Amino acid sequence: MNVESSTEPPRRVFYGVAVILLSLAVATAFVQKHYEDGVATLKAVMVAAGLKETAAFKAEVENRIWNAECWQVVGAAAVLLALLSCGMAIWRRENHRWVWV
């Protein structure tokens, strides 16, 4: 007698999305730090060379700071969406909180 199981596999969609979004948030933090490092490096080179700040230098620093702030906003949005996704998973009573199990 061949009886097929009619049980569905466990639903873990929202927990999976939350893990992916949190990974994205960590990645955006690394990108943000890259831009902030570029600002510090530019300023250190200018001081070490004994050069005066020019308009082009100030524009480059402001551009990198703006890029870092944009990545910070993207990371914060990813964390917020991950929290919403976790909330949805709890509300839907998903079977397991760990995606990889």
N, C-alpha and C. Protein backbone atom coordinates (compact mmCIF):
# COMPACT_ATOMS: atom_id res chain seq x y z
N MET A 1 0.83 -1.16 0.00
CA MET A 1 0.00 0.00 0.00
C MET A 1 0.89 1.24 0.00
N ASN A 2 0.70 2.08 -0.98
CA ASN A 2 1.51 3.26 -1.15
C ASN A 2 0.69 4.49 -0.76
N VAL A 3 0.97 5.02 0.42
CA VAL A 3 0.22 6.18 0.91
C VAL A 3 1.16 7.39 0.87
N GLU A 4 0.72 8.40 0.14
CA GLU A 4 1.53 9.61 0.06
C GLU A 4 1.17 10.54 1.22
N SER A 5 2.16 11.22 1.69
CA SER A 5 1.93 12.16 2.79
C SER A 5 1.31 13.44 2.24
N SER A 6 0.26 13.87 2.87
CA SER A 6 -0.41 15.08 2.41
C SER A 6 -0.02 16.30 3.25
N THR A 7 1.00 16.14 4.09
CA THR A 7 1.42 17.28 4.90
C THR A 7 2.28 18.21 4.06
N GLU A 8 2.08 19.48 4.28
CA GLU A 8 2.86 20.48 3.56
C GLU A 8 4.22 20.64 4.22
N PRO A 9 5.21 21.05 3.44
CA PRO A 9 6.49 21.36 4.08
C PRO A 9 6.33 22.60 4.96
N PRO A 10 7.16 22.72 5.96
CA PRO A 10 7.02 23.86 6.87
C PRO A 10 7.22 25.18 6.13
N ARG A 11 6.40 26.17 6.48
CA ARG A 11 6.52 27.49 5.87
C ARG A 11 7.54 28.30 6.65
N ARG A 12 8.49 28.81 5.94
CA ARG A 12 9.54 29.61 6.57
C ARG A 12 9.85 30.85 5.74
N VAL A 13 8.90 31.30 4.98
CA VAL A 13 9.16 32.37 4.02
C VAL A 13 9.60 33.66 4.71
N PHE A 14 8.86 34.11 5.70
CA PHE A 14 9.16 35.40 6.29
C PHE A 14 10.43 35.38 7.14
N TYR A 15 10.71 34.25 7.77
CA TYR A 15 11.99 34.17 8.49
C TYR A 15 13.16 34.17 7.51
N GLY A 16 12.99 33.53 6.36
CA GLY A 16 14.04 33.55 5.34
C GLY A 16 14.29 34.94 4.80
N VAL A 17 13.21 35.67 4.57
CA VAL A 17 13.34 37.05 4.10
C VAL A 17 14.04 37.90 5.16
N ALA A 18 13.73 37.68 6.42
CA ALA A 18 14.36 38.44 7.50
C ALA A 18 15.86 38.18 7.55
N VAL A 19 16.27 36.94 7.38
CA VAL A 19 17.70 36.62 7.39
C VAL A 19 18.41 37.28 6.21
N ILE A 20 17.79 37.26 5.05
CA ILE A 20 18.39 37.90 3.88
C ILE A 20 18.49 39.41 4.08
N LEU A 21 17.45 40.02 4.62
CA LEU A 21 17.48 41.47 4.85
C LEU A 21 18.52 41.86 5.90
N LEU A 22 18.67 41.05 6.93
CA LEU A 22 19.70 41.35 7.92
C LEU A 22 21.09 41.19 7.34
N SER A 23 21.28 40.24 6.45
CA SER A 23 22.56 40.10 5.76
C SER A 23 22.83 41.32 4.88
N LEU A 24 21.79 41.81 4.24
CA LEU A 24 21.91 43.03 3.43
C LEU A 24 22.29 44.22 4.30
N ALA A 25 21.72 44.30 5.49
CA ALA A 25 22.04 45.40 6.39
C ALA A 25 23.51 45.37 6.81
N VAL A 26 24.02 44.18 7.06
CA VAL A 26 25.44 44.05 7.42
C VAL A 26 26.32 44.47 6.24
N ALA A 27 25.94 44.06 5.04
CA ALA A 27 26.71 44.42 3.85
C ALA A 27 26.70 45.93 3.63
N THR A 28 25.56 46.58 3.85
CA THR A 28 25.51 48.03 3.67
C THR A 28 26.37 48.74 4.71
N ALA A 29 26.51 48.18 5.90
CA ALA A 29 27.38 48.78 6.91
C ALA A 29 28.83 48.75 6.44
N PHE A 30 29.24 47.67 5.78
CA PHE A 30 30.60 47.60 5.25
C PHE A 30 30.82 48.62 4.15
N VAL A 31 29.83 48.80 3.28
CA VAL A 31 29.95 49.79 2.21
C VAL A 31 30.01 51.20 2.80
N GLN A 32 29.18 51.45 3.81
CA GLN A 32 29.18 52.75 4.47
C GLN A 32 30.56 53.04 5.08
N LYS A 33 31.12 52.06 5.75
CA LYS A 33 32.44 52.25 6.35
C LYS A 33 33.52 52.48 5.30
N HIS A 34 33.34 51.90 4.12
CA HIS A 34 34.29 52.12 3.02
C HIS A 34 34.31 53.60 2.63
N TYR A 35 33.12 54.20 2.50
CA TYR A 35 33.06 55.62 2.15
C TYR A 35 33.60 56.50 3.27
N GLU A 36 33.30 56.16 4.51
CA GLU A 36 33.83 56.93 5.63
C GLU A 36 35.35 56.81 5.71
N ASP A 37 35.87 55.65 5.38
CA ASP A 37 37.32 55.46 5.34
C ASP A 37 37.94 56.33 4.26
N GLY A 38 37.25 56.46 3.14
CA GLY A 38 37.75 57.32 2.06
C GLY A 38 37.86 58.77 2.50
N VAL A 39 36.91 59.24 3.30
CA VAL A 39 36.97 60.61 3.82
C VAL A 39 38.17 60.78 4.73
N ALA A 40 38.37 59.84 5.64
CA ALA A 40 39.50 59.92 6.56
C ALA A 40 40.83 59.86 5.80
N THR A 41 40.89 59.02 4.78
CA THR A 41 42.12 58.91 3.99
C THR A 41 42.40 60.21 3.24
N LEU A 42 41.37 60.79 2.64
CA LEU A 42 41.57 62.06 1.93
C LEU A 42 42.08 63.14 2.87
N LYS A 43 41.49 63.24 4.03
CA LYS A 43 41.92 64.27 4.98
C LYS A 43 43.34 64.01 5.47
N ALA A 44 43.68 62.75 5.70
CA ALA A 44 45.03 62.42 6.16
C ALA A 44 46.07 62.74 5.09
N VAL A 45 45.76 62.48 3.84
CA VAL A 45 46.69 62.79 2.75
C VAL A 45 46.90 64.30 2.64
N MET A 46 45.81 65.05 2.78
CA MET A 46 45.93 66.50 2.70
C MET A 46 46.79 67.05 3.84
N VAL A 47 46.60 66.53 5.04
CA VAL A 47 47.39 66.99 6.18
C VAL A 47 48.84 66.58 6.02
N ALA A 48 49.08 65.34 5.60
CA ALA A 48 50.45 64.86 5.44
C ALA A 48 51.19 65.62 4.35
N ALA A 49 50.50 66.02 3.31
CA ALA A 49 51.13 66.76 2.22
C ALA A 49 51.24 68.24 2.54
N GLY A 50 50.56 68.67 3.57
CA GLY A 50 50.61 70.08 3.95
C GLY A 50 49.88 70.97 2.97
N LEU A 51 48.86 70.44 2.32
CA LEU A 51 48.11 71.21 1.33
C LEU A 51 46.91 71.88 1.97
N LYS A 52 46.48 72.96 1.36
CA LYS A 52 45.28 73.65 1.81
C LYS A 52 44.05 72.98 1.21
N GLU A 53 42.94 73.09 1.90
CA GLU A 53 41.70 72.52 1.38
C GLU A 53 41.19 73.37 0.23
N THR A 54 40.91 72.72 -0.88
CA THR A 54 40.37 73.41 -2.05
C THR A 54 38.88 73.11 -2.16
N ALA A 55 38.24 73.79 -3.10
CA ALA A 55 36.81 73.56 -3.32
C ALA A 55 36.57 72.15 -3.85
N ALA A 56 37.48 71.66 -4.69
CA ALA A 56 37.33 70.30 -5.22
C ALA A 56 37.48 69.26 -4.11
N PHE A 57 38.41 69.53 -3.19
CA PHE A 57 38.61 68.61 -2.07
C PHE A 57 37.36 68.59 -1.19
N LYS A 58 36.82 69.75 -0.88
CA LYS A 58 35.62 69.82 -0.04
C LYS A 58 34.44 69.15 -0.73
N ALA A 59 34.34 69.31 -2.04
CA ALA A 59 33.25 68.67 -2.78
C ALA A 59 33.38 67.14 -2.75
N GLU A 60 34.62 66.65 -2.87
CA GLU A 60 34.84 65.20 -2.82
C GLU A 60 34.51 64.65 -1.45
N VAL A 61 34.90 65.34 -0.39
CA VAL A 61 34.60 64.90 0.97
C VAL A 61 33.09 64.90 1.20
N GLU A 62 32.41 65.96 0.79
CA GLU A 62 30.96 66.03 0.97
C GLU A 62 30.26 64.93 0.18
N ASN A 63 30.76 64.62 -1.01
CA ASN A 63 30.18 63.56 -1.83
C ASN A 63 30.31 62.20 -1.13
N ARG A 64 31.48 61.93 -0.59
CA ARG A 64 31.67 60.64 0.10
C ARG A 64 30.86 60.55 1.38
N ILE A 65 30.72 61.65 2.09
CA ILE A 65 29.89 61.65 3.30
C ILE A 65 28.44 61.42 2.92
N TRP A 66 27.99 62.07 1.84
CA TRP A 66 26.61 61.88 1.39
C TRP A 66 26.37 60.42 1.00
N ASN A 67 27.33 59.81 0.30
CA ASN A 67 27.20 58.39 -0.07
C ASN A 67 27.12 57.50 1.17
N ALA A 68 27.95 57.79 2.17
CA ALA A 68 27.92 57.01 3.41
C ALA A 68 26.57 57.14 4.11
N GLU A 69 26.02 58.36 4.13
CA GLU A 69 24.71 58.56 4.76
C GLU A 69 23.61 57.82 4.01
N CYS A 70 23.70 57.80 2.68
CA CYS A 70 22.71 57.07 1.89
C CYS A 70 22.74 55.58 2.20
N TRP A 71 23.95 55.02 2.31
CA TRP A 71 24.06 53.60 2.63
C TRP A 71 23.58 53.32 4.05
N GLN A 72 23.75 54.29 4.94
CA GLN A 72 23.23 54.12 6.30
C GLN A 72 21.71 54.05 6.29
N VAL A 73 21.08 54.87 5.48
CA VAL A 73 19.62 54.85 5.37
C VAL A 73 19.15 53.53 4.77
N VAL A 74 19.86 53.03 3.76
CA VAL A 74 19.50 51.76 3.15
C VAL A 74 19.61 50.63 4.18
N GLY A 75 20.67 50.64 4.97
CA GLY A 75 20.83 49.62 6.01
C GLY A 75 19.75 49.70 7.07
N ALA A 76 19.39 50.90 7.47
CA ALA A 76 18.33 51.06 8.47
C ALA A 76 17.00 50.57 7.92
N ALA A 77 16.75 50.85 6.65
CA ALA A 77 15.51 50.36 6.03
C ALA A 77 15.48 48.84 5.97
N ALA A 78 16.64 48.24 5.68
CA ALA A 78 16.71 46.78 5.63
C ALA A 78 16.43 46.18 7.01
N VAL A 79 16.96 46.78 8.05
CA VAL A 79 16.70 46.29 9.40
C VAL A 79 15.23 46.43 9.76
N LEU A 80 14.64 47.57 9.39
CA LEU A 80 13.22 47.77 9.66
C LEU A 80 12.36 46.74 8.94
N LEU A 81 12.67 46.50 7.68
CA LEU A 81 11.92 45.49 6.93
C LEU A 81 12.13 44.09 7.49
N ALA A 82 13.33 43.81 8.00
CA ALA A 82 13.59 42.51 8.62
C ALA A 82 12.76 42.33 9.88
N LEU A 83 12.63 43.40 10.67
CA LEU A 83 11.79 43.33 11.86
C LEU A 83 10.33 43.11 11.49
N LEU A 84 9.87 43.79 10.46
CA LEU A 84 8.50 43.56 9.99
C LEU A 84 8.31 42.13 9.50
N SER A 85 9.31 41.61 8.82
CA SER A 85 9.23 40.24 8.34
C SER A 85 9.19 39.24 9.49
N CYS A 86 9.98 39.49 10.52
CA CYS A 86 9.93 38.62 11.71
C CYS A 86 8.55 38.70 12.37
N GLY A 87 8.01 39.90 12.44
CA GLY A 87 6.67 40.06 12.99
C GLY A 87 5.63 39.31 12.19
N MET A 88 5.74 39.35 10.88
CA MET A 88 4.80 38.61 10.03
C MET A 88 4.96 37.10 10.24
N ALA A 89 6.19 36.65 10.41
CA ALA A 89 6.42 35.22 10.64
C ALA A 89 5.79 34.77 11.96
N ILE A 90 5.92 35.60 12.96
CA ILE A 90 5.31 35.26 14.25
C ILE A 90 3.78 35.30 14.13
N TRP A 91 3.28 36.32 13.44
CA TRP A 91 1.83 36.45 13.28
C TRP A 91 1.25 35.28 12.49
N ARG A 92 1.98 34.81 11.47
CA ARG A 92 1.51 33.67 10.67
C ARG A 92 1.77 32.34 11.36
N ARG A 93 2.46 32.37 12.47
CA ARG A 93 2.83 31.17 13.23
C ARG A 93 3.62 30.19 12.35
N GLU A 94 4.66 30.72 11.75
CA GLU A 94 5.51 29.86 10.94
C GLU A 94 6.15 28.81 11.84
N ASN A 95 6.41 27.66 11.28
CA ASN A 95 6.77 26.48 12.06
C ASN A 95 8.08 26.61 12.82
N HIS A 96 9.06 27.22 12.23
CA HIS A 96 10.35 27.26 12.87
C HIS A 96 11.01 28.58 12.59
N ARG A 97 11.71 29.10 13.56
CA ARG A 97 12.33 30.40 13.38
C ARG A 97 13.65 30.33 12.65
N TRP A 98 14.26 29.19 12.61
CA TRP A 98 15.57 29.08 11.94
C TRP A 98 15.34 28.55 10.53
N VAL A 99 15.81 29.28 9.58
CA VAL A 99 15.55 28.96 8.17
C VAL A 99 16.31 27.71 7.75
N TRP A 100 17.50 27.52 8.25
CA TRP A 100 18.35 26.45 7.75
C TRP A 100 18.05 25.09 8.37
N VAL A 101 17.16 25.01 9.34
CA VAL A 101 16.85 23.73 9.97
C VAL A 101 15.71 23.06 9.25
